[in-house]
Amino acid sequence: MHSIERHADPGTYRKVVGRFATGVAIVTTRLGDVDHAMTVNSFTSVSLEPLLVLFCAEKVARFHDAVLESGVWGVSVLPASMEDASRFFAHRGRPLNGQVARWEHHRGESGVALFDGSIATVEVATTAVHDGGDHSIVVGEVTGLGIPAEGAPLIYHEGRYKSL
């Protein structure tokens, strides 16, 4: 492996990647009888055969260890009307107990919480975890799909929430 000379400033990097508009989702897992959840915009489709998706989890986030240990996770793709949920689950250090109860949800077959107001849901079983610097890239096979509600998607662009 050879060394890479770096010419990119981290502040400029954040501005540049912030220009890539993304959807917003909440990823959930359940470890024992405790729900864990976090807001992500790093969710993407990977493969159609088999059906694979991924998201990235910051290694220092408490969600990181919980999702790796549980091996299952759910993705709730948010509509613009759920910006409050996105903000809540993006906040570090919030109490775990009862956090998903603030929004209507149901349990997938794996036991993970999936939000009823979401415009799409995906249930996933982890198949691989890759190092991604200060994040882990969590890849999983899709075990369930749903379209619980209709609505315009919540978008994140240049550090702000937007909708179509």
Protein backbone atom coordinates (compact mmCIF):
# COMPACT_ATOMS: atom_id res chain seq x y z
CA MET A 1 0.00 0.00 0.00
CA HIS A 2 1.38 3.40 -0.87
CA SER A 3 0.97 6.72 0.85
CA ILE A 4 -1.53 9.22 -0.50
CA GLU A 5 -0.61 12.88 -0.52
CA ARG A 6 -3.53 14.92 0.79
CA HIS A 7 -4.48 18.26 -0.72
CA ALA A 8 -8.06 18.55 0.53
CA ASP A 9 -9.03 20.81 3.41
CA PRO A 10 -11.61 19.18 5.75
CA GLY A 11 -13.74 22.36 5.85
CA THR A 12 -13.85 22.60 2.07
CA TYR A 13 -14.53 18.86 1.91
CA ARG A 14 -17.66 19.28 4.08
CA LYS A 15 -18.90 22.08 1.80
CA VAL A 16 -18.24 20.05 -1.35
CA VAL A 17 -19.95 16.84 -0.20
CA GLY A 18 -22.77 18.93 1.28
CA ARG A 19 -23.67 19.94 -2.26
CA PHE A 20 -24.68 16.35 -2.95
CA ALA A 21 -28.36 16.30 -2.00
CA THR A 22 -29.36 13.18 -0.09
CA GLY A 23 -32.47 11.65 1.28
CA VAL A 24 -32.80 11.28 5.03
CA ALA A 25 -33.56 8.08 6.93
CA ILE A 26 -33.64 6.77 10.46
CA VAL A 27 -31.84 3.49 11.01
CA THR A 28 -33.05 1.41 13.95
CA THR A 29 -31.94 -1.72 15.73
CA ARG A 30 -33.03 -3.56 18.84
CA LEU A 31 -30.58 -5.02 21.32
CA GLY A 32 -32.26 -7.00 24.07
CA ASP A 33 -35.37 -4.96 24.82
CA VAL A 34 -33.80 -1.57 24.04
CA ASP A 35 -34.43 0.31 20.79
CA HIS A 36 -31.50 2.20 19.26
CA ALA A 37 -31.93 4.67 16.42
CA MET A 38 -30.01 7.33 14.51
CA THR A 39 -30.54 9.67 11.59
CA VAL A 40 -28.48 8.94 8.48
CA ASN A 41 -28.07 10.32 5.01
CA SER A 42 -25.49 7.66 4.12
CA PHE A 43 -27.99 4.96 3.12
CA THR A 44 -27.75 3.47 -0.36
CA SER A 45 -28.64 0.50 -2.52
CA VAL A 46 -25.66 -1.76 -3.28
CA SER A 47 -26.86 -4.79 -5.26
CA LEU A 48 -29.95 -6.32 -6.85
CA GLU A 49 -28.63 -9.90 -6.72
CA PRO A 50 -28.62 -10.42 -3.82
CA LEU A 51 -30.61 -7.44 -2.53
CA LEU A 52 -28.00 -5.46 -0.54
CA VAL A 53 -28.04 -2.01 1.05
CA LEU A 54 -25.58 -0.12 3.23
CA PHE A 55 -25.32 2.74 5.67
CA CYS A 56 -22.38 4.26 7.51
CA ALA A 57 -22.19 4.48 11.30
CA GLU A 58 -19.74 6.66 13.17
CA LYS A 59 -17.56 4.40 15.32
CA VAL A 60 -17.93 6.56 18.46
CA ALA A 61 -21.76 6.59 18.29
CA ARG A 62 -23.47 4.24 20.75
CA PHE A 63 -25.63 3.05 17.83
CA HIS A 64 -22.50 1.63 16.15
CA ASP A 65 -21.85 -1.11 18.70
CA ALA A 66 -25.55 -1.86 19.17
CA VAL A 67 -26.18 -2.46 15.45
CA LEU A 68 -23.05 -4.56 15.04
CA GLU A 69 -24.02 -6.73 18.00
CA SER A 70 -27.69 -7.14 17.02
CA GLY A 71 -26.98 -8.00 13.37
CA VAL A 72 -30.34 -6.64 12.20
CA TRP A 73 -31.53 -3.15 11.37
CA GLY A 74 -34.39 -1.23 9.87
CA VAL A 75 -34.40 1.81 7.62
CA SER A 76 -37.27 4.29 7.61
CA VAL A 77 -36.98 6.74 4.69
CA LEU A 78 -38.42 10.02 5.91
CA PRO A 79 -40.97 12.30 4.29
CA ALA A 80 -40.62 16.08 4.67
CA SER A 81 -43.29 15.95 7.39
CA MET A 82 -40.91 14.00 9.68
CA GLU A 83 -38.11 16.56 9.91
CA ASP A 84 -38.70 16.67 13.69
CA ALA A 85 -37.89 12.94 13.96
CA SER A 86 -34.75 13.41 11.88
CA ARG A 87 -33.55 16.22 14.15
CA PHE A 88 -34.36 14.23 17.29
CA PHE A 89 -32.48 11.09 16.22
CA ALA A 90 -29.50 13.16 15.02
CA HIS A 91 -29.01 14.55 18.55
CA ARG A 92 -26.27 12.81 20.54
CA GLY A 93 -26.82 11.67 24.11
CA ARG A 94 -30.61 11.57 24.14
CA PRO A 95 -32.19 9.02 26.52
CA LEU A 96 -32.68 5.58 24.97
CA ASN A 97 -35.81 4.56 26.88
CA GLY A 98 -38.98 5.31 24.97
CA GLN A 99 -37.28 7.27 22.21
CA VAL A 100 -39.08 5.58 19.31
CA ALA A 101 -42.44 5.82 21.12
CA ARG A 102 -42.66 9.53 20.20
CA TRP A 103 -43.63 8.52 16.65
CA GLU A 104 -46.11 5.91 15.45
CA HIS A 105 -44.22 2.77 14.51
CA HIS A 106 -44.54 -0.95 14.13
CA ARG A 107 -42.13 -3.84 14.56
CA GLY A 108 -40.69 -5.66 11.60
CA GLU A 109 -40.25 -9.43 11.67
CA SER A 110 -36.76 -8.96 13.13
CA GLY A 111 -38.17 -6.82 15.97
CA VAL A 112 -36.73 -3.50 14.78
CA ALA A 113 -38.88 -0.37 14.88
CA LEU A 114 -40.12 0.95 11.52
CA PHE A 115 -41.85 4.33 11.44
CA ASP A 116 -45.43 4.34 10.13
CA GLY A 117 -45.10 7.82 8.59
CA SER A 118 -42.13 6.77 6.45
CA ILE A 119 -42.35 6.79 2.68
CA ALA A 120 -40.36 3.52 2.55
CA THR A 121 -39.05 0.94 4.99
CA VAL A 122 -36.38 -1.72 4.65
CA GLU A 123 -35.51 -4.53 7.06
CA VAL A 124 -31.96 -5.80 6.86
CA ALA A 125 -29.64 -8.53 8.20
CA THR A 126 -25.97 -7.52 8.35
CA THR A 127 -23.71 -9.47 5.97
CA ALA A 128 -20.47 -7.45 6.18
CA VAL A 129 -18.86 -4.55 8.01
CA HIS A 130 -16.00 -2.62 6.40
CA ASP A 131 -13.64 -0.05 7.85
CA GLY A 132 -14.39 3.44 6.59
CA GLY A 133 -12.05 5.69 8.58
CA ASP A 134 -13.99 7.12 11.53
CA HIS A 135 -17.10 5.23 10.33
CA SER A 136 -17.98 1.60 9.66
CA ILE A 137 -19.69 0.72 6.40
CA VAL A 138 -22.46 -1.69 7.36
CA VAL A 139 -23.74 -3.83 4.48
CA GLY A 140 -26.77 -6.05 4.77
CA GLU A 141 -29.20 -8.24 2.86
CA VAL A 142 -32.77 -6.99 2.58
CA THR A 143 -35.24 -9.20 4.46
CA GLY A 144 -38.35 -7.02 4.21
CA LEU A 145 -39.73 -4.00 2.36
CA GLY A 146 -42.64 -1.64 2.88
CA ILE A 147 -44.30 1.55 1.64
CA PRO A 148 -46.25 2.68 4.71
CA ALA A 149 -47.11 6.24 3.56
CA GLU A 150 -46.97 8.64 0.63
CA GLY A 151 -45.34 12.05 0.65
CA ALA A 152 -42.50 14.22 -0.58
CA PRO A 153 -39.10 13.02 0.64
CA LEU A 154 -37.06 14.88 3.23
CA ILE A 155 -33.85 16.10 1.59
CA TYR A 156 -30.59 17.27 3.15
CA HIS A 157 -28.51 19.73 1.12
CA GLU A 158 -25.81 22.24 2.08
CA GLY A 159 -26.41 21.66 5.79
CA ARG A 160 -30.16 22.28 5.66
CA TYR A 161 -33.34 20.25 5.39
CA LYS A 162 -35.34 20.74 2.20
CA SER A 163 -38.13 19.00 0.37
CA LEU A 164 -39.10 18.52 -3.25
